[in-house]
Structures are given as structure tokens and as C-alpha cells.
């Protein structure tokens, strides 16, 4: 289960497991707007959801209070996508 709370202007707090369907819906809602994601209460994540986060331009999606394991995973996905597009 996941709960999404709007906190301050442009900041969304995600609580619960990070799921692909929920992240797609969130990004559909915000569109090309900048959003800050507070991921401090995310205990687990689907690989597809992490890939979606990694694909979102850093200028449009700021990670706030992101657990280290999740930040590392997102960075690995960004590197992997960058190396695949370079070949």
C-alpha cells in the first residue's frame, strides 16, 4: 500500500512501497512540472518504479530525504541507461 501526501509547495511525500503504477500516475498528474519527492518513508520499491524515477530528468524531480539504498539504486539505473544509450 502507498499513500501520497502533498506537503509544501511542489513537494510530495510518498509513504509505503514504491510501485510502478503509482509513480506513472503521479508523473501523469504533475506532467512537466517540477516536483520534489520525499521518499523517507519508502521501505521497498519495484524495479520498474525505480527505473521510472531514474528516467525523470533531475531538474524536474528532486529527491528529498531519500533512503541511501534507494538513491544508490536510482543512480545505478541512470548510469545503466546512460551507458546503453551511448553504445
PDB file of N, CA and C in Angstrom:
ATOM      1  N   UNK A   1       0.842  -1.179   0.000  1.00  0.00           N
ATOM      2  CA  UNK A   1       0.000   0.000   0.000  1.00  0.00           C
ATOM      3  C   UNK A   1       0.880   1.231   0.000  1.00  0.00           C
ATOM      4  N   UNK A   2       0.398   2.268  -0.648  1.00  0.00           N
ATOM      5  CA  UNK A   2       1.148   3.512  -0.699  1.00  0.00           C
ATOM      6  C   UNK A   2       0.186   4.668  -0.449  1.00  0.00           C
ATOM      7  N   UNK A   3       0.697   5.678   0.193  1.00  0.00           N
ATOM      8  CA  UNK A   3      -0.079   6.890   0.410  1.00  0.00           C
ATOM      9  C   UNK A   3       0.777   8.042  -0.076  1.00  0.00           C
ATOM     10  N   UNK A   4       0.180   8.940  -0.826  1.00  0.00           N
ATOM     11  CA  UNK A   4       0.900  10.101  -1.325  1.00  0.00           C
ATOM     12  C   UNK A   4       0.304  11.325  -0.656  1.00  0.00           C
ATOM     13  N   UNK A   5       1.158  12.102   0.001  1.00  0.00           N
ATOM     14  CA  UNK A   5       0.704  13.302   0.686  1.00  0.00           C
ATOM     15  C   UNK A   5       1.388  14.515   0.086  1.00  0.00           C
ATOM     16  N   UNK A   6       0.627  15.538  -0.174  1.00  0.00           N
ATOM     17  CA  UNK A   6       1.225  16.813  -0.566  1.00  0.00           C
ATOM     18  C   UNK A   6       1.640  17.524   0.702  1.00  0.00           C
ATOM     19  N   UNK A   7       2.861  17.987   0.762  1.00  0.00           N
ATOM     20  CA  UNK A   7       3.303  18.695   1.964  1.00  0.00           C
ATOM     21  C   UNK A   7       3.466  20.173   1.622  1.00  0.00           C
ATOM     22  N   UNK A   8       4.664  20.612   1.345  1.00  0.00           N
ATOM     23  CA  UNK A   8       4.874  22.007   0.990  1.00  0.00           C
ATOM     24  C   UNK A   8       4.710  22.173  -0.508  1.00  0.00           C
ATOM     25  N   UNK A   9       4.741  23.384  -0.967  1.00  0.00           N
ATOM     26  CA  UNK A   9       4.568  23.702  -2.390  1.00  0.00           C
ATOM     27  C   UNK A   9       5.518  22.879  -3.252  1.00  0.00           C
ATOM     28  N   UNK A  10       4.947  22.046  -4.122  1.00  0.00           N
ATOM     29  CA  UNK A  10       5.743  21.260  -5.059  1.00  0.00           C
ATOM     30  C   UNK A  10       6.424  20.052  -4.451  1.00  0.00           C
ATOM     31  N   UNK A  11       6.113  19.715  -3.204  1.00  0.00           N
ATOM     32  CA  UNK A  11       6.731  18.556  -2.557  1.00  0.00           C
ATOM     33  C   UNK A  11       5.659  17.509  -2.274  1.00  0.00           C
ATOM     34  N   UNK A  12       5.973  16.276  -2.620  1.00  0.00           N
ATOM     35  CA  UNK A  12       5.057  15.158  -2.403  1.00  0.00           C
ATOM     36  C   UNK A  12       5.772  14.122  -1.549  1.00  0.00           C
ATOM     37  N   UNK A  13       5.120  13.703  -0.474  1.00  0.00           N
ATOM     38  CA  UNK A  13       5.698  12.665   0.382  1.00  0.00           C
ATOM     39  C   UNK A  13       5.070  11.334   0.019  1.00  0.00           C
ATOM     40  N   UNK A  14       5.911  10.367  -0.311  1.00  0.00           N
ATOM     41  CA  UNK A  14       5.459   9.026  -0.676  1.00  0.00           C
ATOM     42  C   UNK A  14       5.671   8.121   0.532  1.00  0.00           C
ATOM     43  N   UNK A  15       4.612   7.450   0.942  1.00  0.00           N
ATOM     44  CA  UNK A  15       4.665   6.573   2.112  1.00  0.00           C
ATOM     45  C   UNK A  15       4.259   5.173   1.680  1.00  0.00           C
ATOM     46  N   UNK A  16       5.135   4.211   1.881  1.00  0.00           N
ATOM     47  CA  UNK A  16       4.834   2.828   1.530  1.00  0.00           C
ATOM     48  C   UNK A  16       5.711   2.349   0.384  1.00  0.00           C
ATOM     49  N   UNK A  17       5.397   1.181  -0.119  1.00  0.00           N
ATOM     50  CA  UNK A  17       6.180   0.573  -1.192  1.00  0.00           C
ATOM     51  C   UNK A  17       6.048   1.378  -2.484  1.00  0.00           C
ATOM     52  N   UNK A  18       7.174   1.594  -3.131  1.00  0.00           N
ATOM     53  CA  UNK A  18       7.200   2.346  -4.383  1.00  0.00           C
ATOM     54  C   UNK A  18       6.785   1.411  -5.516  1.00  0.00           C
ATOM     55  N   UNK A  19       5.648   1.702  -6.141  1.00  0.00           N
ATOM     56  CA  UNK A  19       5.095   0.851  -7.205  1.00  0.00           C
ATOM     57  C   UNK A  19       5.091   1.606  -8.526  1.00  0.00           C
ATOM     58  N   UNK A  20       5.300   0.882  -9.606  1.00  0.00           N
ATOM     59  CA  UNK A  20       5.346   1.478 -10.941  1.00  0.00           C
ATOM     60  C   UNK A  20       4.036   2.192 -11.286  1.00  0.00           C
ATOM     61  N   UNK A  21       2.914   1.562 -11.061  1.00  0.00           N
ATOM     62  CA  UNK A  21       1.620   2.150 -11.428  1.00  0.00           C
ATOM     63  C   UNK A  21       1.381   3.474 -10.708  1.00  0.00           C
ATOM     64  N   UNK A  22       1.758   3.529  -9.447  1.00  0.00           N
ATOM     65  CA  UNK A  22       1.564   4.750  -8.669  1.00  0.00           C
ATOM     66  C   UNK A  22       2.488   5.856  -9.169  1.00  0.00           C
ATOM     67  N   UNK A  23       3.721   5.515  -9.481  1.00  0.00           N
ATOM     68  CA  UNK A  23       4.658   6.525  -9.973  1.00  0.00           C
ATOM     69  C   UNK A  23       4.228   7.045 -11.339  1.00  0.00           C
ATOM     70  N   UNK A  24       3.730   6.161 -12.201  1.00  0.00           N
ATOM     71  CA  UNK A  24       3.221   6.603 -13.503  1.00  0.00           C
ATOM     72  C   UNK A  24       2.081   7.597 -13.313  1.00  0.00           C
ATOM     73  N   UNK A  25       1.180   7.267 -12.425  1.00  0.00           N
ATOM     74  CA  UNK A  25       0.027   8.149 -12.156  1.00  0.00           C
ATOM     75  C   UNK A  25       0.495   9.497 -11.617  1.00  0.00           C
ATOM     76  N   UNK A  26       1.423   9.470 -10.678  1.00  0.00           N
ATOM     77  CA  UNK A  26       1.953  10.714 -10.118  1.00  0.00           C
ATOM     78  C   UNK A  26       2.579  11.576 -11.201  1.00  0.00           C
ATOM     79  N   UNK A  27       3.405  10.975 -12.060  1.00  0.00           N
ATOM     80  CA  UNK A  27       4.063  11.736 -13.109  1.00  0.00           C
ATOM     81  C   UNK A  27       3.070  12.201 -14.175  1.00  0.00           C
ATOM     82  N   UNK A  28       1.994  11.453 -14.390  1.00  0.00           N
ATOM     83  CA  UNK A  28       0.932  11.918 -15.283  1.00  0.00           C
ATOM     84  C   UNK A  28       0.271  13.174 -14.710  1.00  0.00           C
ATOM     85  N   UNK A  29       0.069  13.178 -13.410  1.00  0.00           N
ATOM     86  CA  UNK A  29      -0.576  14.314 -12.750  1.00  0.00           C
ATOM     87  C   UNK A  29       0.306  15.559 -12.802  1.00  0.00           C
ATOM     88  N   UNK A  30       1.598  15.413 -12.480  1.00  0.00           N
ATOM     89  CA  UNK A  30       2.474  16.589 -12.438  1.00  0.00           C
ATOM     90  C   UNK A  30       2.961  16.990 -13.817  1.00  0.00           C
ATOM     91  N   UNK A  31       2.908  16.073 -14.784  1.00  0.00           N
ATOM     92  CA  UNK A  31       3.336  16.390 -16.144  1.00  0.00           C
ATOM     93  C   UNK A  31       4.777  16.885 -16.185  1.00  0.00           C
ATOM     94  N   UNK A  32       4.974  18.027 -16.816  1.00  0.00           N
ATOM     95  CA  UNK A  32       6.323  18.587 -16.964  1.00  0.00           C
ATOM     96  C   UNK A  32       6.660  19.552 -15.823  1.00  0.00           C
ATOM     97  N   UNK A  33       5.817  19.593 -14.796  1.00  0.00           N
ATOM     98  CA  UNK A  33       6.077  20.466 -13.647  1.00  0.00           C
ATOM     99  C   UNK A  33       7.191  19.885 -12.782  1.00  0.00           C
ATOM    100  N   UNK A  34       7.876  20.778 -12.094  1.00  0.00           N
ATOM    101  CA  UNK A  34       8.898  20.336 -11.137  1.00  0.00           C
ATOM    102  C   UNK A  34       8.206  19.775  -9.906  1.00  0.00           C
ATOM    103  N   UNK A  35       8.768  18.711  -9.371  1.00  0.00           N
ATOM    104  CA  UNK A  35       8.219  18.110  -8.162  1.00  0.00           C
ATOM    105  C   UNK A  35       9.388  17.638  -7.293  1.00  0.00           C
ATOM    106  N   UNK A  36       9.219  17.791  -5.996  1.00  0.00           N
ATOM    107  CA  UNK A  36      10.174  17.251  -5.033  1.00  0.00           C
ATOM    108  C   UNK A  36       9.503  16.059  -4.371  1.00  0.00           C
ATOM    109  N   UNK A  37      10.204  14.946  -4.315  1.00  0.00           N
ATOM    110  CA  UNK A  37       9.657  13.729  -3.719  1.00  0.00           C
ATOM    111  C   UNK A  37      10.369  13.427  -2.406  1.00  0.00           C
ATOM    112  N   UNK A  38       9.605  13.381  -1.334  1.00  0.00           N
ATOM    113  CA  UNK A  38      10.117  12.966  -0.033  1.00  0.00           C
ATOM    114  C   UNK A  38       9.893  11.463   0.037  1.00  0.00           C
ATOM    115  N   UNK A  39      10.969  10.717  -0.044  1.00  0.00           N
ATOM    116  CA  UNK A  39      10.888   9.254  -0.064  1.00  0.00           C
ATOM    117  C   UNK A  39      11.366   8.638   1.244  1.00  0.00           C
ATOM    118  N   UNK A  40      11.379   9.419   2.313  1.00  0.00           N
ATOM    119  CA  UNK A  40      11.920   8.955   3.589  1.00  0.00           C
ATOM    120  C   UNK A  40      11.149   7.777   4.186  1.00  0.00           C
ATOM    121  N   UNK A  41       9.888   7.601   3.787  1.00  0.00           N
ATOM    122  CA  UNK A  41       9.079   6.512   4.350  1.00  0.00           C
ATOM    123  C   UNK A  41       8.782   5.417   3.330  1.00  0.00           C
ATOM    124  N   UNK A  42       9.738   5.207   2.421  1.00  0.00           N
ATOM    125  CA  UNK A  42       9.619   4.133   1.427  1.00  0.00           C
ATOM    126  C   UNK A  42      10.502   2.966   1.883  1.00  0.00           C
ATOM    127  N   UNK A  43       9.888   1.855   2.321  1.00  0.00           N
ATOM    128  CA  UNK A  43      10.670   0.726   2.800  1.00  0.00           C
ATOM    129  C   UNK A  43      11.134  -0.234   1.705  1.00  0.00           C
ATOM    130  N   UNK A  44      10.442  -0.218   0.543  1.00  0.00           N
ATOM    131  CA  UNK A  44      10.792  -1.111  -0.551  1.00  0.00           C
ATOM    132  C   UNK A  44      10.294  -0.511  -1.859  1.00  0.00           C
ATOM    133  N   UNK A  45      10.844  -1.018  -2.973  1.00  0.00           N
ATOM    134  CA  UNK A  45      10.482  -0.459  -4.274  1.00  0.00           C
ATOM    135  C   UNK A  45      10.535  -1.531  -5.352  1.00  0.00           C
ATOM    136  N   UNK A  46       9.637  -1.406  -6.322  1.00  0.00           N
ATOM    137  CA  UNK A  46       9.682  -2.249  -7.509  1.00  0.00           C
ATOM    138  C   UNK A  46      10.762  -1.713  -8.445  1.00  0.00           C
ATOM    139  N   UNK A  47      11.425  -2.617  -9.141  1.00  0.00           N
ATOM    140  CA  UNK A  47      12.472  -2.211 -10.083  1.00  0.00           C
ATOM    141  C   UNK A  47      11.913  -1.273 -11.148  1.00  0.00           C
ATOM    142  N   UNK A  48      10.710  -1.537 -11.623  1.00  0.00           N
ATOM    143  CA  UNK A  48      10.108  -0.693 -12.661  1.00  0.00           C
ATOM    144  C   UNK A  48       9.863   0.725 -12.149  1.00  0.00           C
ATOM    145  N   UNK A  49       9.493   0.862 -10.886  1.00  0.00           N
ATOM    146  CA  UNK A  49       9.280   2.187 -10.296  1.00  0.00           C
ATOM    147  C   UNK A  49      10.603   2.939 -10.174  1.00  0.00           C
ATOM    148  N   UNK A  50      11.646   2.233  -9.821  1.00  0.00           N
ATOM    149  CA  UNK A  50      12.967   2.849  -9.720  1.00  0.00           C
ATOM    150  C   UNK A  50      13.439   3.310 -11.099  1.00  0.00           C
ATOM    151  N   UNK A  51      13.201   2.497 -12.128  1.00  0.00           N
ATOM    152  CA  UNK A  51      13.560   2.911 -13.494  1.00  0.00           C
ATOM    153  C   UNK A  51      12.815   4.180 -13.907  1.00  0.00           C
ATOM    154  N   UNK A  52      11.533   4.280 -13.541  1.00  0.00           N
ATOM    155  CA  UNK A  52      10.769   5.492 -13.849  1.00  0.00           C
ATOM    156  C   UNK A  52      11.386   6.718 -13.172  1.00  0.00           C
ATOM    157  N   UNK A  53      11.748   6.567 -11.921  1.00  0.00           N
ATOM    158  CA  UNK A  53      12.393   7.679 -11.217  1.00  0.00           C
ATOM    159  C   UNK A  53      13.717   8.046 -11.871  1.00  0.00           C
ATOM    160  N   UNK A  54      14.466   7.050 -12.279  1.00  0.00           N
ATOM    161  CA  UNK A  54      15.767   7.292 -12.905  1.00  0.00           C
ATOM    162  C   UNK A  54      15.620   7.986 -14.250  1.00  0.00           C
ATOM    163  N   UNK A  55      14.528   7.738 -14.947  1.00  0.00           N
ATOM    164  CA  UNK A  55      14.299   8.341 -16.260  1.00  0.00           C
ATOM    165  C   UNK A  55      13.813   9.779 -16.157  1.00  0.00           C
ATOM    166  N   UNK A  56      13.250  10.149 -15.046  1.00  0.00           N
ATOM    167  CA  UNK A  56      12.739  11.507 -14.860  1.00  0.00           C
ATOM    168  C   UNK A  56      13.923  12.471 -14.790  1.00  0.00           C
ATOM    169  N   UNK A  57      13.923  13.549 -15.573  1.00  0.00           N
ATOM    170  CA  UNK A  57      15.041  14.493 -15.541  1.00  0.00           C
ATOM    171  C   UNK A  57      15.251  15.057 -14.130  1.00  0.00           C
ATOM    172  N   UNK A  58      16.508  15.057 -13.642  1.00  0.00           N
ATOM    173  CA  UNK A  58      16.774  15.556 -12.288  1.00  0.00           C
ATOM    174  C   UNK A  58      16.270  16.984 -12.064  1.00  0.00           C
ATOM    175  N   UNK A  59      16.234  17.806 -13.108  1.00  0.00           N
ATOM    176  CA  UNK A  59      15.725  19.167 -12.964  1.00  0.00           C
ATOM    177  C   UNK A  59      14.228  19.224 -12.711  1.00  0.00           C
ATOM    178  N   UNK A  60      13.522  18.151 -13.066  1.00  0.00           N
ATOM    179  CA  UNK A  60      12.079  18.098 -12.851  1.00  0.00           C
ATOM    180  C   UNK A  60      11.689  17.285 -11.628  1.00  0.00           C
ATOM    181  N   UNK A  61      12.614  16.511 -11.106  1.00  0.00           N
ATOM    182  CA  UNK A  61      12.294  15.630  -9.985  1.00  0.00           C
ATOM    183  C   UNK A  61      13.445  15.642  -8.978  1.00  0.00           C
ATOM    184  N   UNK A  62      13.237  16.351  -7.893  1.00  0.00           N
ATOM    185  CA  UNK A  62      14.245  16.415  -6.840  1.00  0.00           C
ATOM    186  C   UNK A  62      13.893  15.384  -5.766  1.00  0.00           C
ATOM    187  N   UNK A  63      14.865  14.590  -5.384  1.00  0.00           N
ATOM    188  CA  UNK A  63      14.639  13.602  -4.334  1.00  0.00           C
ATOM    189  C   UNK A  63      15.020  14.215  -2.989  1.00  0.00           C
ATOM    190  N   UNK A  64      14.065  14.214  -2.079  1.00  0.00           N
ATOM    191  CA  UNK A  64      14.247  14.801  -0.758  1.00  0.00           C
ATOM    192  C   UNK A  64      14.175  13.685   0.275  1.00  0.00           C
ATOM    193  N   UNK A  65      15.105  13.645   1.177  1.00  0.00           N
ATOM    194  CA  UNK A  65      15.092  12.624   2.236  1.00  0.00           C
ATOM    195  C   UNK A  65      14.943  11.218   1.656  1.00  0.00           C
ATOM    196  N   UNK A  66      15.737  10.914   0.681  1.00  0.00           N
ATOM    197  CA  UNK A  66      15.692   9.611   0.022  1.00  0.00           C
ATOM    198  C   UNK A  66      16.606   8.635   0.765  1.00  0.00           C
ATOM    199  N   UNK A  67      16.107   7.439   1.099  1.00  0.00           N
ATOM    200  CA  UNK A  67      16.978   6.452   1.746  1.00  0.00           C
ATOM    201  C   UNK A  67      18.211   6.170   0.874  1.00  0.00           C
ATOM    202  N   UNK A  68      19.327   5.941   1.509  1.00  0.00           N
ATOM    203  CA  UNK A  68      20.585   5.734   0.769  1.00  0.00           C
ATOM    204  C   UNK A  68      20.494   4.563  -0.201  1.00  0.00           C
ATOM    205  N   UNK A  69      19.863   3.479   0.223  1.00  0.00           N
ATOM    206  CA  UNK A  69      19.764   2.311  -0.664  1.00  0.00           C
ATOM    207  C   UNK A  69      18.985   2.651  -1.924  1.00  0.00           C
ATOM    208  N   UNK A  70      17.948   3.496  -1.797  1.00  0.00           N
ATOM    209  CA  UNK A  70      17.126   3.862  -2.941  1.00  0.00           C
ATOM    210  C   UNK A  70      17.846   4.869  -3.837  1.00  0.00           C
ATOM    211  N   UNK A  71      18.521   5.832  -3.230  1.00  0.00           N
ATOM    212  CA  UNK A  71      19.292   6.812  -4.011  1.00  0.00           C
ATOM    213  C   UNK A  71      20.378   6.097  -4.823  1.00  0.00           C
ATOM    214  N   UNK A  72      21.037   5.120  -4.212  1.00  0.00           N
ATOM    215  CA  UNK A  72      22.075   4.353  -4.900  1.00  0.00           C
ATOM    216  C   UNK A  72      21.485   3.583  -6.080  1.00  0.00           C
ATOM    217  N   UNK A  73      20.352   2.951  -5.863  1.00  0.00           N
ATOM    218  CA  UNK A  73      19.687   2.168  -6.907  1.00  0.00           C
ATOM    219  C   UNK A  73      19.277   3.067  -8.078  1.00  0.00           C
ATOM    220  N   UNK A  74      18.711   4.220  -7.777  1.00  0.00           N
ATOM    221  CA  UNK A  74      18.307   5.166  -8.829  1.00  0.00           C
ATOM    222  C   UNK A  74      19.523   5.611  -9.623  1.00  0.00           C
ATOM    223  N   UNK A  75      20.612   5.914  -8.937  1.00  0.00           N
ATOM    224  CA  UNK A  75      21.841   6.340  -9.622  1.00  0.00           C
ATOM    225  C   UNK A  75      22.388   5.224 -10.509  1.00  0.00           C
ATOM    226  N   UNK A  76      22.330   3.993 -10.036  1.00  0.00           N
ATOM    227  CA  UNK A  76      22.779   2.861 -10.851  1.00  0.00           C
ATOM    228  C   UNK A  76      21.933   2.740 -12.117  1.00  0.00           C
ATOM    229  N   UNK A  77      20.631   2.928 -11.990  1.00  0.00           N
ATOM    230  CA  UNK A  77      19.739   2.866 -13.157  1.00  0.00           C
ATOM    231  C   UNK A  77      20.057   3.988 -14.142  1.00  0.00           C
ATOM    232  N   UNK A  78      20.357   5.175 -13.631  1.00  0.00           N
ATOM    233  CA  UNK A  78      20.719   6.296 -14.510  1.00  0.00           C
ATOM    234  C   UNK A  78      22.014   5.998 -15.258  1.00  0.00           C
ATOM    235  N   UNK A  79      22.974   5.452 -14.566  1.00  0.00           N
ATOM    236  CA  UNK A  79      24.243   5.093 -15.217  1.00  0.00           C
ATOM    237  C   UNK A  79      24.032   4.008 -16.272  1.00  0.00           C
ATOM    238  N   UNK A  80      23.248   3.017 -15.929  1.00  0.00           N
ATOM    239  CA  UNK A  80      22.972   1.918 -16.869  1.00  0.00           C
ATOM    240  C   UNK A  80      22.291   2.464 -18.113  1.00  0.00           C
ATOM    241  N   UNK A  81      21.294   3.309 -17.945  1.00  0.00           N
ATOM    242  CA  UNK A  81      20.579   3.893 -19.089  1.00  0.00           C
ATOM    243  C   UNK A  81      21.510   4.759 -19.909  1.00  0.00           C
ATOM    244  N   UNK A  82      22.407   5.496 -19.265  1.00  0.00           N
ATOM    245  CA  UNK A  82      23.370   6.337 -19.968  1.00  0.00           C
ATOM    246  C   UNK A  82      24.373   5.531 -20.771  1.00  0.00           C
ATOM    247  N   UNK A  83      24.819   4.415 -20.209  1.00  0.00           N
ATOM    248  CA  UNK A  83      25.792   3.596 -20.940  1.00  0.00           C
ATOM    249  C   UNK A  83      25.130   2.858 -22.092  1.00  0.00           C
ATOM    250  N   UNK A  84      23.855   2.494 -21.946  1.00  0.00           N
ATOM    251  CA  UNK A  84      23.149   1.808 -23.038  1.00  0.00           C
ATOM    252  C   UNK A  84      22.855   2.756 -24.178  1.00  0.00           C
ATOM    253  N   UNK A  85      22.560   4.025 -23.887  1.00  0.00           N
ATOM    254  CA  UNK A  85      22.273   4.973 -24.959  1.00  0.00           C
ATOM    255  C   UNK A  85      23.551   5.425 -25.652  1.00  0.00           C
ATOM    256  N   UNK A  86      24.701   5.242 -25.006  1.00  0.00           N
ATOM    257  CA  UNK A  86      25.976   5.626 -25.590  1.00  0.00           C
ATOM    258  C   UNK A  86      26.582   4.577 -26.505  1.00  0.00           C
ATOM    259  N   UNK A  87      26.003   3.385 -26.530  1.00  0.00           N
ATOM    260  CA  UNK A  87      26.557   2.327 -27.375  1.00  0.00           C
ATOM    261  C   UNK A  87      25.854   2.199 -28.676  1.00  0.00           C
TER     262      UNK A  87
END
